[in-house]
Amino acid sequence: MEIPEYDLHKGGMKVDDAIAKLDRVLGLGRGRLFAFVTGYGSSGGTSKIKEAVLAKLAHYRKIGHVRGFIDGEKAGDMFSAEFLSFPNAAEIPLVYKRTANPGVVIVRT
């Protein structure tokens, strides 16, 4: 199973532009699974885009706009709290489960 993947850090995208694109994609419908490429930070830290996306998704989960999200680094850890709390975690494609990818966030609307 493949899922739509959207790049939020392509071509030097700014945080505001990345959040606007996230919002547009999330508006495509309920019950869908998406992957967002956020980057992981070239200086060894977390990217500003990833930090902003995770904060926005935490808010959206709190208000019921998304059902769940998981950092790509945890998508393959079947015993992590993040994986166990992700709605329909079994539907996460194998490509995201096989290799931890801190530059991706998977979202269930």
N, C-alpha and C. Protein backbone atom coordinates (compact mmCIF):
# COMPACT_ATOMS: atom_id res chain seq x y z
N MET A 1 0.84 -1.18 0.00
CA MET A 1 0.00 0.00 0.00
C MET A 1 0.89 1.25 0.00
N GLU A 2 0.60 2.16 -0.88
CA GLU A 2 1.30 3.43 -0.92
C GLU A 2 0.37 4.52 -0.41
N ILE A 3 0.96 5.57 0.11
CA ILE A 3 0.17 6.71 0.57
C ILE A 3 0.75 7.98 -0.07
N PRO A 4 -0.07 9.02 -0.20
CA PRO A 4 0.45 10.26 -0.76
C PRO A 4 1.55 10.84 0.14
N GLU A 5 2.61 11.33 -0.48
CA GLU A 5 3.72 11.92 0.26
C GLU A 5 3.93 13.34 -0.26
N TYR A 6 4.00 14.28 0.67
CA TYR A 6 4.14 15.69 0.32
C TYR A 6 5.42 16.24 0.95
N ASP A 7 6.21 16.93 0.13
CA ASP A 7 7.48 17.48 0.59
C ASP A 7 7.26 18.91 1.10
N LEU A 8 7.51 19.11 2.39
CA LEU A 8 7.32 20.43 3.00
C LEU A 8 8.61 21.22 3.15
N HIS A 9 9.72 20.67 2.70
CA HIS A 9 10.97 21.43 2.83
C HIS A 9 11.71 21.58 1.51
N LYS A 10 11.06 21.24 0.44
CA LYS A 10 11.65 21.30 -0.90
C LYS A 10 11.96 22.75 -1.30
N GLY A 11 13.11 22.91 -1.88
CA GLY A 11 13.48 24.20 -2.45
C GLY A 11 13.55 25.34 -1.46
N GLY A 12 13.96 25.08 -0.24
CA GLY A 12 14.10 26.16 0.74
C GLY A 12 12.78 26.71 1.24
N MET A 13 11.73 25.87 1.26
CA MET A 13 10.43 26.31 1.71
C MET A 13 10.52 26.88 3.14
N LYS A 14 9.84 27.96 3.39
CA LYS A 14 9.80 28.60 4.71
C LYS A 14 8.74 27.93 5.58
N VAL A 15 8.86 28.11 6.88
CA VAL A 15 7.95 27.47 7.84
C VAL A 15 6.50 27.83 7.53
N ASP A 16 6.20 29.11 7.30
CA ASP A 16 4.81 29.52 7.02
C ASP A 16 4.26 28.85 5.77
N ASP A 17 5.10 28.72 4.75
CA ASP A 17 4.68 28.06 3.51
C ASP A 17 4.42 26.58 3.74
N ALA A 18 5.28 25.95 4.54
CA ALA A 18 5.12 24.52 4.85
C ALA A 18 3.83 24.27 5.62
N ILE A 19 3.52 25.13 6.59
CA ILE A 19 2.28 24.98 7.36
C ILE A 19 1.07 25.21 6.48
N ALA A 20 1.15 26.17 5.57
CA ALA A 20 0.04 26.41 4.64
C ALA A 20 -0.20 25.19 3.76
N LYS A 21 0.87 24.57 3.27
CA LYS A 21 0.74 23.36 2.45
C LYS A 21 0.18 22.21 3.28
N LEU A 22 0.65 22.06 4.51
CA LEU A 22 0.12 21.03 5.42
C LEU A 22 -1.39 21.21 5.57
N ASP A 23 -1.83 22.44 5.81
CA ASP A 23 -3.26 22.72 5.97
C ASP A 23 -4.06 22.38 4.72
N ARG A 24 -3.50 22.72 3.54
CA ARG A 24 -4.21 22.40 2.28
C ARG A 24 -4.37 20.89 2.12
N VAL A 25 -3.31 20.15 2.39
CA VAL A 25 -3.36 18.70 2.22
C VAL A 25 -4.31 18.07 3.22
N LEU A 26 -4.25 18.51 4.46
CA LEU A 26 -5.13 17.94 5.48
C LEU A 26 -6.60 18.19 5.18
N GLY A 27 -6.88 19.22 4.40
CA GLY A 27 -8.26 19.52 4.02
C GLY A 27 -8.80 18.60 2.94
N LEU A 28 -8.00 17.67 2.44
CA LEU A 28 -8.44 16.78 1.36
C LEU A 28 -9.43 15.71 1.80
N GLY A 29 -9.60 15.52 3.08
CA GLY A 29 -10.60 14.56 3.52
C GLY A 29 -10.25 13.81 4.78
N ARG A 30 -11.27 13.34 5.45
CA ARG A 30 -11.12 12.60 6.70
C ARG A 30 -10.82 11.13 6.40
N GLY A 31 -10.14 10.50 7.35
CA GLY A 31 -9.88 9.08 7.26
C GLY A 31 -8.74 8.70 6.33
N ARG A 32 -7.96 9.68 5.91
CA ARG A 32 -6.87 9.41 4.98
C ARG A 32 -5.54 9.37 5.72
N LEU A 33 -4.58 8.74 5.08
CA LEU A 33 -3.23 8.63 5.62
C LEU A 33 -2.30 9.38 4.68
N PHE A 34 -1.47 10.25 5.25
CA PHE A 34 -0.53 11.05 4.46
C PHE A 34 0.85 10.95 5.09
N ALA A 35 1.88 11.14 4.26
CA ALA A 35 3.25 11.28 4.75
C ALA A 35 3.75 12.66 4.33
N PHE A 36 4.39 13.34 5.28
CA PHE A 36 4.94 14.66 5.02
C PHE A 36 6.44 14.62 5.24
N VAL A 37 7.18 15.01 4.22
CA VAL A 37 8.64 15.09 4.33
C VAL A 37 8.94 16.46 4.93
N THR A 38 9.53 16.47 6.12
CA THR A 38 9.81 17.72 6.83
C THR A 38 11.29 18.03 6.88
N GLY A 39 12.13 17.06 6.55
CA GLY A 39 13.55 17.20 6.79
C GLY A 39 13.83 16.91 8.25
N TYR A 40 15.08 16.72 8.57
CA TYR A 40 15.42 16.38 9.95
C TYR A 40 16.43 17.32 10.56
N GLY A 41 16.84 18.33 9.82
CA GLY A 41 17.79 19.30 10.34
C GLY A 41 19.20 18.96 9.93
N SER A 42 19.79 19.73 9.07
CA SER A 42 21.12 19.42 8.55
C SER A 42 22.23 19.66 9.56
N SER A 43 21.94 20.41 10.59
CA SER A 43 22.98 20.68 11.59
C SER A 43 22.91 19.70 12.76
N GLY A 44 22.19 18.63 12.60
CA GLY A 44 22.11 17.61 13.64
C GLY A 44 20.96 17.81 14.60
N GLY A 45 20.27 18.93 14.51
CA GLY A 45 19.10 19.17 15.35
C GLY A 45 17.84 18.94 14.56
N THR A 46 16.71 19.23 15.17
CA THR A 46 15.43 19.10 14.48
C THR A 46 15.22 20.31 13.60
N SER A 47 14.69 20.10 12.41
CA SER A 47 14.44 21.22 11.50
C SER A 47 13.33 22.10 12.04
N LYS A 48 13.39 23.37 11.68
CA LYS A 48 12.35 24.32 12.10
C LYS A 48 11.00 23.92 11.52
N ILE A 49 11.03 23.43 10.29
CA ILE A 49 9.77 22.99 9.67
C ILE A 49 9.20 21.80 10.44
N LYS A 50 10.02 20.83 10.77
CA LYS A 50 9.52 19.67 11.50
C LYS A 50 8.96 20.08 12.86
N GLU A 51 9.66 20.95 13.58
CA GLU A 51 9.17 21.42 14.88
C GLU A 51 7.80 22.09 14.73
N ALA A 52 7.65 22.94 13.71
CA ALA A 52 6.39 23.64 13.50
C ALA A 52 5.27 22.67 13.10
N VAL A 53 5.60 21.70 12.24
CA VAL A 53 4.61 20.71 11.81
C VAL A 53 4.15 19.86 13.00
N LEU A 54 5.07 19.40 13.81
CA LEU A 54 4.71 18.59 14.98
C LEU A 54 3.84 19.38 15.96
N ALA A 55 4.18 20.65 16.18
CA ALA A 55 3.38 21.50 17.07
C ALA A 55 1.98 21.70 16.52
N LYS A 56 1.89 21.96 15.21
CA LYS A 56 0.58 22.18 14.58
C LYS A 56 -0.26 20.90 14.65
N LEU A 57 0.38 19.75 14.39
CA LEU A 57 -0.36 18.49 14.43
C LEU A 57 -0.81 18.15 15.85
N ALA A 58 -0.01 18.47 16.85
CA ALA A 58 -0.42 18.25 18.24
C ALA A 58 -1.67 19.07 18.56
N HIS A 59 -1.69 20.31 18.08
CA HIS A 59 -2.88 21.15 18.26
C HIS A 59 -4.07 20.56 17.52
N TYR A 60 -3.85 20.15 16.27
CA TYR A 60 -4.94 19.58 15.48
C TYR A 60 -5.49 18.30 16.10
N ARG A 61 -4.62 17.49 16.67
CA ARG A 61 -5.10 16.26 17.32
C ARG A 61 -5.95 16.63 18.54
N LYS A 62 -5.52 17.62 19.28
CA LYS A 62 -6.25 18.06 20.47
C LYS A 62 -7.66 18.54 20.14
N ILE A 63 -7.81 19.22 19.00
CA ILE A 63 -9.13 19.75 18.63
C ILE A 63 -9.90 18.80 17.70
N GLY A 64 -9.33 17.64 17.39
CA GLY A 64 -10.02 16.64 16.59
C GLY A 64 -9.90 16.82 15.08
N HIS A 65 -9.01 17.68 14.62
CA HIS A 65 -8.84 17.89 13.18
C HIS A 65 -8.06 16.74 12.53
N VAL A 66 -7.17 16.09 13.28
CA VAL A 66 -6.49 14.87 12.83
C VAL A 66 -6.66 13.82 13.93
N ARG A 67 -6.68 12.58 13.53
CA ARG A 67 -6.84 11.50 14.50
C ARG A 67 -5.51 11.13 15.15
N GLY A 68 -4.42 11.29 14.40
CA GLY A 68 -3.13 10.95 14.96
C GLY A 68 -2.00 11.27 14.00
N PHE A 69 -0.78 11.27 14.56
CA PHE A 69 0.42 11.46 13.74
C PHE A 69 1.57 10.77 14.44
N ILE A 70 2.58 10.42 13.65
CA ILE A 70 3.74 9.73 14.20
C ILE A 70 4.99 10.17 13.45
N ASP A 71 6.02 10.41 14.20
CA ASP A 71 7.32 10.75 13.64
C ASP A 71 7.83 9.51 12.89
N GLY A 72 8.39 9.71 11.72
CA GLY A 72 8.90 8.59 10.92
C GLY A 72 9.95 7.77 11.65
N GLU A 73 10.60 8.38 12.63
CA GLU A 73 11.60 7.67 13.41
C GLU A 73 10.96 6.59 14.28
N LYS A 74 9.69 6.76 14.64
CA LYS A 74 8.98 5.80 15.50
C LYS A 74 8.04 4.88 14.74
N ALA A 75 7.87 5.12 13.44
CA ALA A 75 6.89 4.37 12.65
C ALA A 75 7.17 2.87 12.61
N GLY A 76 8.40 2.47 12.75
CA GLY A 76 8.73 1.05 12.70
C GLY A 76 8.89 0.41 14.06
N ASP A 77 8.71 1.18 15.12
CA ASP A 77 8.86 0.66 16.48
C ASP A 77 7.49 0.25 17.01
N MET A 78 7.12 -1.00 16.77
CA MET A 78 5.79 -1.48 17.12
C MET A 78 5.50 -1.45 18.62
N PHE A 79 6.52 -1.23 19.43
CA PHE A 79 6.32 -1.23 20.87
C PHE A 79 6.37 0.17 21.48
N SER A 80 6.57 1.18 20.65
CA SER A 80 6.61 2.54 21.18
C SER A 80 5.20 3.02 21.47
N ALA A 81 5.08 3.92 22.42
CA ALA A 81 3.78 4.49 22.76
C ALA A 81 3.18 5.22 21.55
N GLU A 82 4.03 5.86 20.76
CA GLU A 82 3.55 6.58 19.59
C GLU A 82 2.92 5.64 18.57
N PHE A 83 3.58 4.51 18.32
CA PHE A 83 3.05 3.53 17.36
C PHE A 83 1.75 2.93 17.89
N LEU A 84 1.75 2.55 19.15
CA LEU A 84 0.58 1.90 19.73
C LEU A 84 -0.64 2.82 19.79
N SER A 85 -0.41 4.13 19.87
CA SER A 85 -1.54 5.06 19.94
C SER A 85 -1.96 5.60 18.57
N PHE A 86 -1.21 5.23 17.52
CA PHE A 86 -1.54 5.72 16.18
C PHE A 86 -2.75 4.95 15.64
N PRO A 87 -3.80 5.66 15.18
CA PRO A 87 -5.00 4.98 14.67
C PRO A 87 -4.68 4.12 13.44
N ASN A 88 -5.06 2.86 13.51
CA ASN A 88 -4.83 1.92 12.41
C ASN A 88 -3.36 1.85 12.02
N ALA A 89 -2.49 1.71 12.99
CA ALA A 89 -1.04 1.69 12.76
C ALA A 89 -0.63 0.61 11.76
N ALA A 90 -1.38 -0.47 11.68
CA ALA A 90 -1.05 -1.55 10.75
C ALA A 90 -1.09 -1.07 9.30
N GLU A 91 -1.77 0.03 9.02
CA GLU A 91 -1.88 0.55 7.66
C GLU A 91 -0.69 1.40 7.24
N ILE A 92 0.22 1.67 8.16
CA ILE A 92 1.41 2.43 7.78
C ILE A 92 2.20 1.56 6.80
N PRO A 93 2.50 2.07 5.62
CA PRO A 93 3.21 1.26 4.61
C PRO A 93 4.57 0.77 5.12
N LEU A 94 4.96 -0.40 4.65
CA LEU A 94 6.22 -1.01 5.06
C LEU A 94 7.43 -0.13 4.81
N VAL A 95 7.39 0.66 3.76
CA VAL A 95 8.54 1.51 3.45
C VAL A 95 8.86 2.44 4.63
N TYR A 96 7.86 2.86 5.38
CA TYR A 96 8.08 3.74 6.53
C TYR A 96 8.40 2.94 7.79
N LYS A 97 8.02 1.68 7.82
CA LYS A 97 8.27 0.83 8.99
C LYS A 97 9.67 0.22 8.98
N ARG A 98 10.19 -0.02 7.79
CA ARG A 98 11.47 -0.74 7.68
C ARG A 98 12.68 0.09 8.09
N THR A 99 12.65 1.37 7.81
CA THR A 99 13.79 2.22 8.10
C THR A 99 13.32 3.47 8.83
N ALA A 100 13.86 3.69 10.02
CA ALA A 100 13.51 4.91 10.76
C ALA A 100 13.91 6.12 9.94
N ASN A 101 12.99 7.05 9.77
CA ASN A 101 13.27 8.25 8.99
C ASN A 101 12.80 9.48 9.78
N PRO A 102 13.72 10.14 10.47
CA PRO A 102 13.33 11.30 11.27
C PRO A 102 12.91 12.50 10.43
N GLY A 103 13.02 12.42 9.13
CA GLY A 103 12.62 13.51 8.25
C GLY A 103 11.23 13.38 7.69
N VAL A 104 10.44 12.45 8.24
CA VAL A 104 9.06 12.21 7.76
C VAL A 104 8.11 12.20 8.96
N VAL A 105 6.90 12.69 8.72
CA VAL A 105 5.83 12.60 9.71
C VAL A 105 4.62 11.99 8.99
N ILE A 106 4.02 10.98 9.59
CA ILE A 106 2.86 10.30 9.01
C ILE A 106 1.62 10.75 9.79
N VAL A 107 0.56 11.09 9.04
CA VAL A 107 -0.63 11.67 9.64
C VAL A 107 -1.87 10.89 9.22
N ARG A 108 -2.76 10.65 10.18
CA ARG A 108 -4.08 10.05 9.92
C ARG A 108 -5.12 11.14 10.19
N THR A 109 -5.90 11.49 9.13
CA THR A 109 -6.94 12.50 9.32
C THR A 109 -8.21 11.86 9.82
